[in-house]
Each structure stands twice: as structure tokens, then as C-alpha cells.
Amino acid sequence: MRLTRLAWTRGPGCFELASLLSEADPVAIDGDPRRTCISEQIDCLVSRKLTSFDLVPMIVPTEVDITRVESVTAAVGDGPHSPLAVAVAERLGARLGLPASVATAYHTTEGRTQAEERLARLAAPFQDTVELQAVEAQRAAELVDALPDTTLLVMGAPGGSWFYRQIYGPGHRLAVAAPNGVIVVRSEPRRCFHAAVSPTPYAIGVHLSVADARRVVSAAVAPVTEEGQLVGIVRRSELTSAPDSTSIESLMEPAVAVSAAEPVANAADLSVFLDNGPIPVVDDEGNLIGVLVG
């Protein structure tokens, strides 16, 4: 789970948390968050509350008091947000110089093995930098109750698992039991703009001659642009047989591309069609903003 470049919105603790988590300087959202996230290739957004904005993962601090924190714990279940919760807890522990742990609850004897396997899987990317805790509990809130008062809790957004139904059930037990506040995270799929690289070495102009294009096109296909707009593609195989003076405009095929906001997985079929060449990535106006390369 990448925490390389984060953005933040106005709200208590958002800038401070983004600064702790991001490898680069965090970016302030000023205006359209969608446009900012795409143009700045933002990995996660630190916001004052969870919203319907789903372009990038969200990280939401609620009544977090960093000055009182002496340890950080990611409380995890089987949901899709747990890997991000672990990544956030581990990064905060490292940046604050505090111990970080990953904890989960189980409520049956058979569940212990599953809980230990879950912890090992989620903590695997961090090479023993986090402690693992499997706690037997009839209610998931018992896990939160057992944490020291100086622990900062990181959790996934409400979901359908037993663990999260317990935590976010009547009374909102989580908020009561976490005196240093809670950081709630919500994952989203990695988007095409995250993986896009500059189109500069790959794209060619619509009025370029075949002779000139052969000198610069080495991939199986090349995007063709006019004033920044993607207008077509041309295949290297076509360039090898066309007369030198032929213009790219007369040789190109219709434009094919993925939207910057699409999940990266959506590009798989297009990669086959483009002979594993660079896949054009466009914004909402059809401008070429990058390419996906294998």
C-alpha cells in the first residue's frame, strides 16, 4: 500500500497527519479534489471525514491527540481496508519513534488459527517491524478495551465482517474506548493515473512523417496527439512498410485509451490489443496525460 504522496483537506489534524505519513511534501486540496489527485498522482487523501469521494483511499483522523500517543495499533479484520490500516500504523510508529502493532480478535477456538494467519499475511510487507496480537474476545470491542490509554488506534471503515459489525454497532463503542482518538481508513483500487508515466518518449505528433516517426518510435505502438489531445495510435509494424513521406495522420488507427480514473486492472485487455505496447491514459477532456508501460 503506497504512502508516497498524500493530499489533505482542511480539518483538525489533517495537515499534521498527512505530513507524518507522506514520503513527499503533502499537497493541499484547493478546488477540485479529483483534478488535484490526478495531476499530482496522489496516493491517499487525508480528510476530516469520510465522504463519497472514491478516487483515492481516504484517511480520516477523529479527535487524535498525537502528544499523548505512546504506541500505535492497527485493529484489523477480513475487510479490504485492513492492509491500509496496517501501513498507516507502521508508518506512524516509524515516524514517531513508537512501537506499532497489528491486532485482531477471534471469538471461537477455530478462529485462532485464521486470526494468526491473517496477522502474518497483513504484516508480511513490514519485515517484523510490527508486533502481532491475536486476542480472544466475545465482542470485538474487548480488543479495544484492552489497549493502553496511550494507544492510537487505526481501523478500516465500517464493513460487513463480524469484527466491524461489533465495533461500529450500537453505541459506537470504538470512540468511547479509544482515548487518543481513531484514524479510520478506506481503501480504493489503484487507478491508471497512479501508474502512468510521462508520454514524452512515446507520443508523436499527427503531422510527423513516417521517416521521422521511425527514428523515435521503438515500442509496438505510439499514441498520436494534436495540441495535447489523443487523436489516434500508430503501430510500429505499419511504420516499417509505409513510404517515408507518408504522414502519421493517414496511417494512424482510431484512438484507444483508458481513463485516468479507471482501475489499473481495466487496462489488461487493452494491453493485448496494443501488442503489449504503451497504453494511452487520458483525462476527462481527452488530453493525453501519460501512458502505462509493462
C-alpha atoms as a PDB file:
ATOM      1  CA  MET A   1       0.000   0.000   0.000  1.00  0.00           C
ATOM      2  CA  ARG A   2       1.686   3.216  -1.203  1.00  0.00           C
ATOM      3  CA  LEU A   3       2.010   6.243   1.058  1.00  0.00           C
ATOM      4  CA  THR A   4       4.381   8.168  -1.176  1.00  0.00           C
ATOM      5  CA  ARG A   5       2.338  11.265  -1.970  1.00  0.00           C
ATOM      6  CA  LEU A   6      -0.614  12.394   0.122  1.00  0.00           C
ATOM      7  CA  ALA A   7      -3.054  15.270  -0.129  1.00  0.00           C
ATOM      8  CA  TRP A   8      -5.020  16.863   2.682  1.00  0.00           C
ATOM      9  CA  THR A   9      -8.163  18.886   3.172  1.00  0.00           C
ATOM     10  CA  ARG A  10      -8.895  21.472   5.831  1.00  0.00           C
ATOM     11  CA  GLY A  11      -9.804  19.954   9.167  1.00  0.00           C
ATOM     12  CA  PRO A  12      -8.373  19.245  12.624  1.00  0.00           C
ATOM     13  CA  GLY A  13      -5.130  17.311  12.372  1.00  0.00           C
ATOM     14  CA  CYS A  14      -5.330  16.648   8.614  1.00  0.00           C
ATOM     15  CA  PHE A  15      -2.159  18.511   7.608  1.00  0.00           C
ATOM     16  CA  GLU A  16      -0.206  17.150  10.560  1.00  0.00           C
ATOM     17  CA  LEU A  17      -1.205  13.564   9.806  1.00  0.00           C
ATOM     18  CA  ALA A  18      -0.519  13.923   6.082  1.00  0.00           C
ATOM     19  CA  SER A  19       2.937  15.317   6.886  1.00  0.00           C
ATOM     20  CA  LEU A  20       3.727  12.344   9.124  1.00  0.00           C
ATOM     21  CA  LEU A  21       2.558   9.750   6.619  1.00  0.00           C
ATOM     22  CA  SER A  22       3.714  11.118   3.258  1.00  0.00           C
ATOM     23  CA  GLU A  23       7.198  10.462   1.878  1.00  0.00           C
ATOM     24  CA  ALA A  24       6.964  13.700  -0.125  1.00  0.00           C
ATOM     25  CA  ASP A  25       5.560  17.077   0.903  1.00  0.00           C
ATOM     26  CA  PRO A  26       1.776  16.696   1.234  1.00  0.00           C
ATOM     27  CA  VAL A  27      -0.418  18.572  -1.232  1.00  0.00           C
ATOM     28  CA  ALA A  28      -3.230  20.851  -0.107  1.00  0.00           C
ATOM     29  CA  ILE A  29      -6.553  20.340  -1.865  1.00  0.00           C
ATOM     30  CA  ASP A  30      -7.515  23.718  -3.279  1.00  0.00           C
ATOM     31  CA  GLY A  31     -10.517  23.492  -5.572  1.00  0.00           C
ATOM     32  CA  ASP A  32     -11.423  20.278  -7.386  1.00  0.00           C
ATOM     33  CA  PRO A  33     -10.006  17.291  -5.425  1.00  0.00           C
ATOM     34  CA  ARG A  34     -10.380  14.984  -8.430  1.00  0.00           C
ATOM     35  CA  ARG A  35      -8.240  17.207 -10.640  1.00  0.00           C
ATOM     36  CA  THR A  36      -5.609  17.636  -7.922  1.00  0.00           C
ATOM     37  CA  CYS A  37      -5.384  13.919  -7.182  1.00  0.00           C
ATOM     38  CA  ILE A  38      -4.898  13.070 -10.861  1.00  0.00           C
ATOM     39  CA  SER A  39      -2.443  15.844 -11.692  1.00  0.00           C
ATOM     40  CA  GLU A  40      -0.343  15.240  -8.565  1.00  0.00           C
ATOM     41  CA  GLN A  41      -0.657  11.428  -8.660  1.00  0.00           C
ATOM     42  CA  ILE A  42      -1.936  11.373  -5.083  1.00  0.00           C
ATOM     43  CA  ASP A  43      -1.859   8.015  -3.284  1.00  0.00           C
ATOM     44  CA  CYS A  44      -4.184   8.864  -0.386  1.00  0.00           C
ATOM     45  CA  LEU A  45      -6.311  11.759   0.816  1.00  0.00           C
ATOM     46  CA  VAL A  46      -6.318  12.810   4.474  1.00  0.00           C
ATOM     47  CA  SER A  47      -9.724  14.317   5.145  1.00  0.00           C
ATOM     48  CA  ARG A  48     -11.755  15.497   8.124  1.00  0.00           C
ATOM     49  CA  LYS A  49     -14.495  12.963   7.350  1.00  0.00           C
ATOM     50  CA  LEU A  50     -15.352  10.043   5.103  1.00  0.00           C
ATOM     51  CA  THR A  51     -17.229  11.173   2.018  1.00  0.00           C
ATOM     52  CA  SER A  52     -18.444   9.643  -1.240  1.00  0.00           C
ATOM     53  CA  PHE A  53     -15.178  10.691  -2.943  1.00  0.00           C
ATOM     54  CA  ASP A  54     -13.697   7.362  -4.024  1.00  0.00           C
ATOM     55  CA  LEU A  55     -10.926   8.223  -6.462  1.00  0.00           C
ATOM     56  CA  VAL A  56      -8.178   7.520  -3.919  1.00  0.00           C
ATOM     57  CA  PRO A  57      -8.008   5.876  -0.485  1.00  0.00           C
ATOM     58  CA  MET A  58      -9.046   8.093   2.420  1.00  0.00           C
ATOM     59  CA  ILE A  59      -7.505   8.541   5.876  1.00  0.00           C
ATOM     60  CA  VAL A  60      -9.622  10.310   8.494  1.00  0.00           C
ATOM     61  CA  PRO A  61      -8.341  11.365  11.938  1.00  0.00           C
ATOM     62  CA  THR A  62     -11.023  11.774  14.613  1.00  0.00           C
ATOM     63  CA  GLU A  63     -10.058  13.540  17.856  1.00  0.00           C
ATOM     64  CA  VAL A  64      -6.462  12.355  17.518  1.00  0.00           C
ATOM     65  CA  ASP A  65      -4.074  13.673  20.175  1.00  0.00           C
ATOM     66  CA  ILE A  66      -0.559  12.863  18.933  1.00  0.00           C
ATOM     67  CA  THR A  67       1.042  14.426  22.053  1.00  0.00           C
ATOM     68  CA  ARG A  68      -0.407  11.649  24.240  1.00  0.00           C
ATOM     69  CA  VAL A  69       0.377   8.731  21.956  1.00  0.00           C
ATOM     70  CA  GLU A  70       2.913   6.142  23.122  1.00  0.00           C
ATOM     71  CA  SER A  71       2.049   3.321  20.705  1.00  0.00           C
ATOM     72  CA  VAL A  72       0.062   2.759  17.512  1.00  0.00           C
ATOM     73  CA  THR A  73      -2.196  -0.240  16.860  1.00  0.00           C
ATOM     74  CA  ALA A  74      -3.976  -1.270  13.678  1.00  0.00           C
ATOM     75  CA  ALA A  75      -7.088  -3.250  14.613  1.00  0.00           C
ATOM     76  CA  VAL A  76      -7.838  -5.446  11.614  1.00  0.00           C
ATOM     77  CA  GLY A  77     -10.396  -7.906  10.300  1.00  0.00           C
ATOM     78  CA  ASP A  78     -11.005  -9.631   6.982  1.00  0.00           C
ATOM     79  CA  GLY A  79     -12.107  -6.473   5.168  1.00  0.00           C
ATOM     80  CA  PRO A  80     -10.422  -4.754   2.214  1.00  0.00           C
ATOM     81  CA  HIS A  81      -9.253  -1.783   4.279  1.00  0.00           C
ATOM     82  CA  SER A  82      -7.006  -3.730   6.665  1.00  0.00           C
ATOM     83  CA  PRO A  83      -3.802  -3.537   4.554  1.00  0.00           C
ATOM     84  CA  LEU A  84      -4.057   0.262   4.525  1.00  0.00           C
ATOM     85  CA  ALA A  85      -4.695   0.326   8.277  1.00  0.00           C
ATOM     86  CA  VAL A  86      -1.516  -1.683   8.848  1.00  0.00           C
ATOM     87  CA  ALA A  87       0.516   0.528   6.503  1.00  0.00           C
ATOM     88  CA  VAL A  88      -0.680   3.672   8.292  1.00  0.00           C
ATOM     89  CA  ALA A  89       0.052   2.261  11.756  1.00  0.00           C
ATOM     90  CA  GLU A  90       3.515   1.084  10.739  1.00  0.00           C
ATOM     91  CA  ARG A  91       4.417   4.420   9.127  1.00  0.00           C
ATOM     92  CA  LEU A  92       3.179   6.416  12.128  1.00  0.00           C
ATOM     93  CA  GLY A  93       5.114   4.211  14.520  1.00  0.00           C
ATOM     94  CA  ALA A  94       8.287   4.666  12.487  1.00  0.00           C
ATOM     95  CA  ARG A  95       7.886   8.444  12.115  1.00  0.00           C
ATOM     96  CA  LEU A  96       7.012   8.990  15.793  1.00  0.00           C
ATOM     97  CA  GLY A  97       9.605   6.528  17.075  1.00  0.00           C
ATOM     98  CA  LEU A  98       6.891   4.465  18.788  1.00  0.00           C
ATOM     99  CA  PRO A  99       6.048   0.754  18.823  1.00  0.00           C
ATOM    100  CA  ALA A 100       3.480  -0.313  16.246  1.00  0.00           C
ATOM    101  CA  SER A 101       1.304  -3.405  16.366  1.00  0.00           C
ATOM    102  CA  VAL A 102      -1.371  -5.219  14.407  1.00  0.00           C
ATOM    103  CA  ALA A 103      -4.202  -6.718  16.441  1.00  0.00           C
ATOM    104  CA  THR A 104      -7.222  -8.821  15.624  1.00  0.00           C
ATOM    105  CA  ALA A 105      -9.932 -10.505  17.651  1.00  0.00           C
ATOM    106  CA  TYR A 106     -11.373 -14.000  17.353  1.00  0.00           C
ATOM    107  CA  HIS A 107     -14.309 -15.456  19.222  1.00  0.00           C
ATOM    108  CA  THR A 108     -14.075 -19.201  18.571  1.00  0.00           C
ATOM    109  CA  THR A 109     -11.305 -21.734  19.128  1.00  0.00           C
ATOM    110  CA  GLU A 110     -11.262 -22.488  15.407  1.00  0.00           C
ATOM    111  CA  GLY A 111     -10.882 -18.800  14.683  1.00  0.00           C
ATOM    112  CA  ARG A 112      -7.495 -18.507  16.366  1.00  0.00           C
ATOM    113  CA  THR A 113      -5.609 -20.156  13.507  1.00  0.00           C
ATOM    114  CA  GLN A 114      -7.376 -17.937  10.984  1.00  0.00           C
ATOM    115  CA  ALA A 115      -6.591 -14.873  13.080  1.00  0.00           C
ATOM    116  CA  GLU A 116      -2.883 -15.731  13.276  1.00  0.00           C
ATOM    117  CA  GLU A 117      -2.737 -16.379   9.527  1.00  0.00           C
ATOM    118  CA  ARG A 118      -4.488 -13.058   8.893  1.00  0.00           C
ATOM    119  CA  LEU A 119      -1.965 -11.189  11.043  1.00  0.00           C
ATOM    120  CA  ALA A 120       1.005 -12.851   9.359  1.00  0.00           C
ATOM    121  CA  ARG A 121      -0.350 -12.016   5.897  1.00  0.00           C
ATOM    122  CA  LEU A 122      -1.073  -8.374   6.668  1.00  0.00           C
ATOM    123  CA  ALA A 123       2.245  -7.795   8.441  1.00  0.00           C
ATOM    124  CA  ALA A 124       4.363  -9.563   5.803  1.00  0.00           C
ATOM    125  CA  PRO A 125       5.363  -6.384   3.891  1.00  0.00           C
ATOM    126  CA  PHE A 126       6.856  -4.822   7.004  1.00  0.00           C
ATOM    127  CA  GLN A 127       9.529  -7.394   7.882  1.00  0.00           C
ATOM    128  CA  ASP A 128       8.950  -7.741  11.609  1.00  0.00           C
ATOM    129  CA  THR A 129       8.611  -4.001  12.287  1.00  0.00           C
ATOM    130  CA  VAL A 130       5.178  -4.521  13.856  1.00  0.00           C
ATOM    131  CA  GLU A 131       4.078  -6.702  16.749  1.00  0.00           C
ATOM    132  CA  LEU A 132       1.253  -9.192  16.143  1.00  0.00           C
ATOM    133  CA  GLN A 133      -1.584  -9.685  18.622  1.00  0.00           C
ATOM    134  CA  ALA A 134      -4.412 -12.232  18.335  1.00  0.00           C
ATOM    135  CA  VAL A 135      -6.875 -11.633  21.167  1.00  0.00           C
ATOM    136  CA  GLU A 136      -9.700 -13.939  22.198  1.00  0.00           C
ATOM    137  CA  ALA A 137     -12.844 -11.876  22.677  1.00  0.00           C
ATOM    138  CA  GLN A 138     -16.569 -12.472  22.527  1.00  0.00           C
ATOM    139  CA  ARG A 139     -17.007  -8.885  21.388  1.00  0.00           C
ATOM    140  CA  ALA A 140     -14.546  -7.061  19.165  1.00  0.00           C
ATOM    141  CA  ALA A 141     -14.788  -4.012  21.431  1.00  0.00           C
ATOM    142  CA  GLU A 142     -12.992  -6.058  24.096  1.00  0.00           C
ATOM    143  CA  LEU A 143      -9.878  -5.782  21.957  1.00  0.00           C
ATOM    144  CA  VAL A 144     -10.148  -2.001  22.018  1.00  0.00           C
ATOM    145  CA  ASP A 145     -10.849  -2.015  25.752  1.00  0.00           C
ATOM    146  CA  ALA A 146      -7.620  -3.941  26.341  1.00  0.00           C
ATOM    147  CA  LEU A 147      -5.414  -1.329  24.701  1.00  0.00           C
ATOM    148  CA  PRO A 148      -3.444   1.089  26.909  1.00  0.00           C
ATOM    149  CA  ASP A 149      -4.861   4.597  27.212  1.00  0.00           C
ATOM    150  CA  THR A 150      -1.852   5.943  25.315  1.00  0.00           C
ATOM    151  CA  THR A 151      -2.517   3.863  22.175  1.00  0.00           C
ATOM    152  CA  LEU A 152      -3.569   5.453  18.901  1.00  0.00           C
ATOM    153  CA  LEU A 153      -6.000   3.182  17.084  1.00  0.00           C
ATOM    154  CA  VAL A 154      -6.097   2.751  13.296  1.00  0.00           C
ATOM    155  CA  MET A 155      -9.043   0.913  11.741  1.00  0.00           C
ATOM    156  CA  GLY A 156     -10.766   0.272   8.452  1.00  0.00           C
ATOM    157  CA  ALA A 157     -14.037   1.951   7.577  1.00  0.00           C
ATOM    158  CA  PRO A 158     -17.248   0.146   8.593  1.00  0.00           C
ATOM    159  CA  GLY A 159     -17.836  -3.048   6.671  1.00  0.00           C
ATOM    160  CA  GLY A 160     -19.722  -6.310   6.813  1.00  0.00           C
ATOM    161  CA  SER A 161     -17.360  -8.549   8.801  1.00  0.00           C
ATOM    162  CA  TRP A 162     -18.090  -9.723  12.326  1.00  0.00           C
ATOM    163  CA  PHE A 163     -15.270  -7.565  13.652  1.00  0.00           C
ATOM    164  CA  TYR A 164     -16.540  -4.313  12.165  1.00  0.00           C
ATOM    165  CA  ARG A 165     -20.199  -5.054  12.915  1.00  0.00           C
ATOM    166  CA  GLN A 166     -19.155  -5.338  16.534  1.00  0.00           C
ATOM    167  CA  ILE A 167     -17.002  -2.211  16.596  1.00  0.00           C
ATOM    168  CA  TYR A 168     -19.409   0.043  14.762  1.00  0.00           C
ATOM    169  CA  GLY A 169     -22.553  -1.365  16.370  1.00  0.00           C
ATOM    170  CA  PRO A 170     -24.961   0.446  18.675  1.00  0.00           C
ATOM    171  CA  GLY A 171     -23.297   2.957  20.934  1.00  0.00           C
ATOM    172  CA  HIS A 172     -20.201   3.420  18.771  1.00  0.00           C
ATOM    173  CA  ARG A 173     -18.072   1.578  21.324  1.00  0.00           C
ATOM    174  CA  LEU A 174     -14.921   2.395  19.400  1.00  0.00           C
ATOM    175  CA  ALA A 175     -14.991   6.146  20.072  1.00  0.00           C
ATOM    176  CA  VAL A 176     -15.594   5.578  23.776  1.00  0.00           C
ATOM    177  CA  ALA A 177     -12.757   3.099  24.186  1.00  0.00           C
ATOM    178  CA  ALA A 178     -10.067   4.976  22.278  1.00  0.00           C
ATOM    179  CA  PRO A 179      -8.986   7.959  24.416  1.00  0.00           C
ATOM    180  CA  ASN A 180      -6.379   9.148  21.897  1.00  0.00           C
ATOM    181  CA  GLY A 181      -8.846   9.174  19.063  1.00  0.00           C
ATOM    182  CA  VAL A 182      -9.148   6.990  15.996  1.00  0.00           C
ATOM    183  CA  ILE A 183      -7.766   7.039  12.477  1.00  0.00           C
ATOM    184  CA  VAL A 184     -10.260   5.471  10.068  1.00  0.00           C
ATOM    185  CA  VAL A 185      -9.044   4.395   6.632  1.00  0.00           C
ATOM    186  CA  ARG A 186     -10.860   3.330   3.479  1.00  0.00           C
ATOM    187  CA  SER A 187      -9.098   1.669   0.552  1.00  0.00           C
ATOM    188  CA  GLU A 188      -9.829   2.110  -3.142  1.00  0.00           C
ATOM    189  CA  PRO A 189      -8.357   0.322  -6.180  1.00  0.00           C
ATOM    190  CA  ARG A 190      -5.157   1.670  -7.699  1.00  0.00           C
ATOM    191  CA  ARG A 191      -6.049   3.925 -10.629  1.00  0.00           C
ATOM    192  CA  CYS A 192      -4.447   4.365 -14.040  1.00  0.00           C
ATOM    193  CA  PHE A 193      -3.104   7.823 -13.183  1.00  0.00           C
ATOM    194  CA  HIS A 194      -1.110   6.273 -10.315  1.00  0.00           C
ATOM    195  CA  ALA A 195       0.781   4.044 -12.738  1.00  0.00           C
ATOM    196  CA  ALA A 196       1.025   6.436 -15.691  1.00  0.00           C
ATOM    197  CA  VAL A 197       4.432   7.720 -16.788  1.00  0.00           C
ATOM    198  CA  SER A 198       5.191  10.734 -18.941  1.00  0.00           C
ATOM    199  CA  PRO A 199       4.056  10.294 -22.557  1.00  0.00           C
ATOM    200  CA  THR A 200       7.018  12.326 -23.858  1.00  0.00           C
ATOM    201  CA  PRO A 201       9.215   9.430 -25.114  1.00  0.00           C
ATOM    202  CA  TYR A 202       6.221   7.581 -26.563  1.00  0.00           C
ATOM    203  CA  ALA A 203       3.810  10.067 -28.168  1.00  0.00           C
ATOM    204  CA  ILE A 204       4.238  11.553 -31.634  1.00  0.00           C
ATOM    205  CA  GLY A 205       2.575  14.414 -33.458  1.00  0.00           C
ATOM    206  CA  VAL A 206      -0.159  13.907 -36.008  1.00  0.00           C
ATOM    207  CA  HIS A 207       1.735  15.673 -38.803  1.00  0.00           C
ATOM    208  CA  LEU A 208       5.022  13.801 -38.356  1.00  0.00           C
ATOM    209  CA  SER A 209       6.303  11.898 -41.398  1.00  0.00           C
ATOM    210  CA  VAL A 210       6.825   8.137 -41.310  1.00  0.00           C
ATOM    211  CA  ALA A 211      10.557   8.627 -41.851  1.00  0.00           C
ATOM    212  CA  ASP A 212      10.801  10.827 -38.737  1.00  0.00           C
ATOM    213  CA  ALA A 213       8.493   8.588 -36.744  1.00  0.00           C
ATOM    214  CA  ARG A 214      10.684   5.535 -37.358  1.00  0.00           C
ATOM    215  CA  ARG A 215      13.543   7.347 -35.618  1.00  0.00           C
ATOM    216  CA  VAL A 216      11.609   7.925 -32.410  1.00  0.00           C
ATOM    217  CA  VAL A 217       9.117   5.064 -32.150  1.00  0.00           C
ATOM    218  CA  SER A 218      10.639   1.913 -30.693  1.00  0.00           C
ATOM    219  CA  ALA A 219       7.595   0.447 -28.911  1.00  0.00           C
ATOM    220  CA  ALA A 220       4.917  -1.691 -30.563  1.00  0.00           C
ATOM    221  CA  VAL A 221       2.546   1.284 -30.734  1.00  0.00           C
ATOM    222  CA  ALA A 222       2.714   5.032 -30.222  1.00  0.00           C
ATOM    223  CA  PRO A 223      -0.047   7.461 -29.192  1.00  0.00           C
ATOM    224  CA  VAL A 224      -0.672  10.232 -31.725  1.00  0.00           C
ATOM    225  CA  THR A 225      -1.553  13.683 -30.417  1.00  0.00           C
ATOM    226  CA  GLU A 226      -2.611  17.048 -31.734  1.00  0.00           C
ATOM    227  CA  GLU A 227      -2.384  20.025 -29.360  1.00  0.00           C
ATOM    228  CA  GLY A 228      -2.312  17.644 -26.417  1.00  0.00           C
ATOM    229  CA  GLN A 229      -5.381  15.661 -27.474  1.00  0.00           C
ATOM    230  CA  LEU A 230      -5.094  11.957 -28.156  1.00  0.00           C
ATOM    231  CA  VAL A 231      -6.304  11.550 -31.751  1.00  0.00           C
ATOM    232  CA  GLY A 232      -5.092   8.062 -32.655  1.00  0.00           C
ATOM    233  CA  ILE A 233      -2.427   5.370 -32.388  1.00  0.00           C
ATOM    234  CA  VAL A 234       0.112   4.088 -34.870  1.00  0.00           C
ATOM    235  CA  ARG A 235       1.749   0.689 -34.865  1.00  0.00           C
ATOM    236  CA  ARG A 236       5.447   0.157 -35.346  1.00  0.00           C
ATOM    237  CA  SER A 237       4.673  -2.630 -37.826  1.00  0.00           C
ATOM    238  CA  GLU A 238       2.865  -0.110 -40.067  1.00  0.00           C
ATOM    239  CA  LEU A 239       5.782   2.314 -39.936  1.00  0.00           C
ATOM    240  CA  THR A 240       8.239  -0.255 -41.245  1.00  0.00           C
ATOM    241  CA  SER A 241       6.371  -0.756 -44.521  1.00  0.00           C
ATOM    242  CA  ALA A 242       4.922   2.702 -45.256  1.00  0.00           C
ATOM    243  CA  PRO A 243       6.647   5.180 -47.623  1.00  0.00           C
ATOM    244  CA  ASP A 244       8.942   7.694 -45.899  1.00  0.00           C
ATOM    245  CA  SER A 245       6.882  10.716 -46.894  1.00  0.00           C
ATOM    246  CA  THR A 246       3.570   9.337 -45.609  1.00  0.00           C
ATOM    247  CA  SER A 247       2.080  11.374 -42.782  1.00  0.00           C
ATOM    248  CA  ILE A 248       1.161   9.751 -39.499  1.00  0.00           C
ATOM    249  CA  GLU A 249      -2.334  11.199 -39.834  1.00  0.00           C
ATOM    250  CA  SER A 250      -3.050   8.986 -42.856  1.00  0.00           C
ATOM    251  CA  LEU A 251      -1.553   5.903 -41.205  1.00  0.00           C
ATOM    252  CA  MET A 252      -2.964   6.067 -37.688  1.00  0.00           C
ATOM    253  CA  GLU A 253      -5.805   3.996 -36.246  1.00  0.00           C
ATOM    254  CA  PRO A 254      -8.640   5.414 -34.106  1.00  0.00           C
ATOM    255  CA  ALA A 255      -7.617   6.434 -30.605  1.00  0.00           C
ATOM    256  CA  VAL A 256      -7.913   3.879 -27.818  1.00  0.00           C
ATOM    257  CA  ALA A 257      -7.136   4.716 -24.215  1.00  0.00           C
ATOM    258  CA  VAL A 258      -8.009   4.238 -20.576  1.00  0.00           C
ATOM    259  CA  SER A 259      -9.367   6.986 -18.378  1.00  0.00           C
ATOM    260  CA  ALA A 260      -7.051   8.312 -15.688  1.00  0.00           C
ATOM    261  CA  ALA A 261      -9.650   7.405 -13.054  1.00  0.00           C
ATOM    262  CA  GLU A 262     -10.120   3.778 -14.147  1.00  0.00           C
ATOM    263  CA  PRO A 263      -8.660   0.993 -12.021  1.00  0.00           C
ATOM    264  CA  VAL A 264      -5.339  -0.234 -13.418  1.00  0.00           C
ATOM    265  CA  ALA A 265      -6.812  -3.736 -13.779  1.00  0.00           C
ATOM    266  CA  ASN A 266      -9.128  -2.441 -16.507  1.00  0.00           C
ATOM    267  CA  ALA A 267      -6.144  -1.937 -18.800  1.00  0.00           C
ATOM    268  CA  ALA A 268      -5.331  -5.649 -19.140  1.00  0.00           C
ATOM    269  CA  ASP A 269      -7.471  -6.344 -22.221  1.00  0.00           C
ATOM    270  CA  LEU A 270      -6.284  -3.181 -23.938  1.00  0.00           C
ATOM    271  CA  SER A 271      -2.671  -4.242 -23.425  1.00  0.00           C
ATOM    272  CA  VAL A 272      -3.298  -7.319 -25.587  1.00  0.00           C
ATOM    273  CA  PHE A 273      -4.924  -5.229 -28.324  1.00  0.00           C
ATOM    274  CA  LEU A 274      -1.915  -2.887 -28.333  1.00  0.00           C
ATOM    275  CA  ASP A 275       0.597  -5.748 -28.620  1.00  0.00           C
ATOM    276  CA  ASN A 276       1.844  -5.012 -25.065  1.00  0.00           C
ATOM    277  CA  GLY A 277       2.841  -1.528 -26.141  1.00  0.00           C
ATOM    278  CA  PRO A 278       2.245   1.638 -24.085  1.00  0.00           C
ATOM    279  CA  ILE A 279      -1.413   2.219 -23.208  1.00  0.00           C
ATOM    280  CA  PRO A 280      -2.535   5.855 -23.518  1.00  0.00           C
ATOM    281  CA  VAL A 281      -4.062   7.436 -20.403  1.00  0.00           C
ATOM    282  CA  VAL A 282      -6.369  10.412 -20.900  1.00  0.00           C
ATOM    283  CA  ASP A 283      -8.149  12.899 -18.671  1.00  0.00           C
ATOM    284  CA  ASP A 284     -11.830  13.824 -18.845  1.00  0.00           C
ATOM    285  CA  GLU A 285     -11.183  16.156 -21.820  1.00  0.00           C
ATOM    286  CA  GLY A 286      -9.320  13.541 -23.848  1.00  0.00           C
ATOM    287  CA  ASN A 287      -5.878  15.029 -23.208  1.00  0.00           C
ATOM    288  CA  LEU A 288      -3.023  12.543 -23.143  1.00  0.00           C
ATOM    289  CA  ILE A 289      -1.599  12.753 -19.610  1.00  0.00           C
ATOM    290  CA  GLY A 290       0.571   9.637 -19.626  1.00  0.00           C
ATOM    291  CA  VAL A 291       0.986   6.039 -20.710  1.00  0.00           C
ATOM    292  CA  LEU A 292       1.010   2.680 -18.965  1.00  0.00           C
ATOM    293  CA  VAL A 293       4.032   0.582 -19.791  1.00  0.00           C
ATOM    294  CA  GLY A 294       4.730  -3.015 -18.854  1.00  0.00           C
END
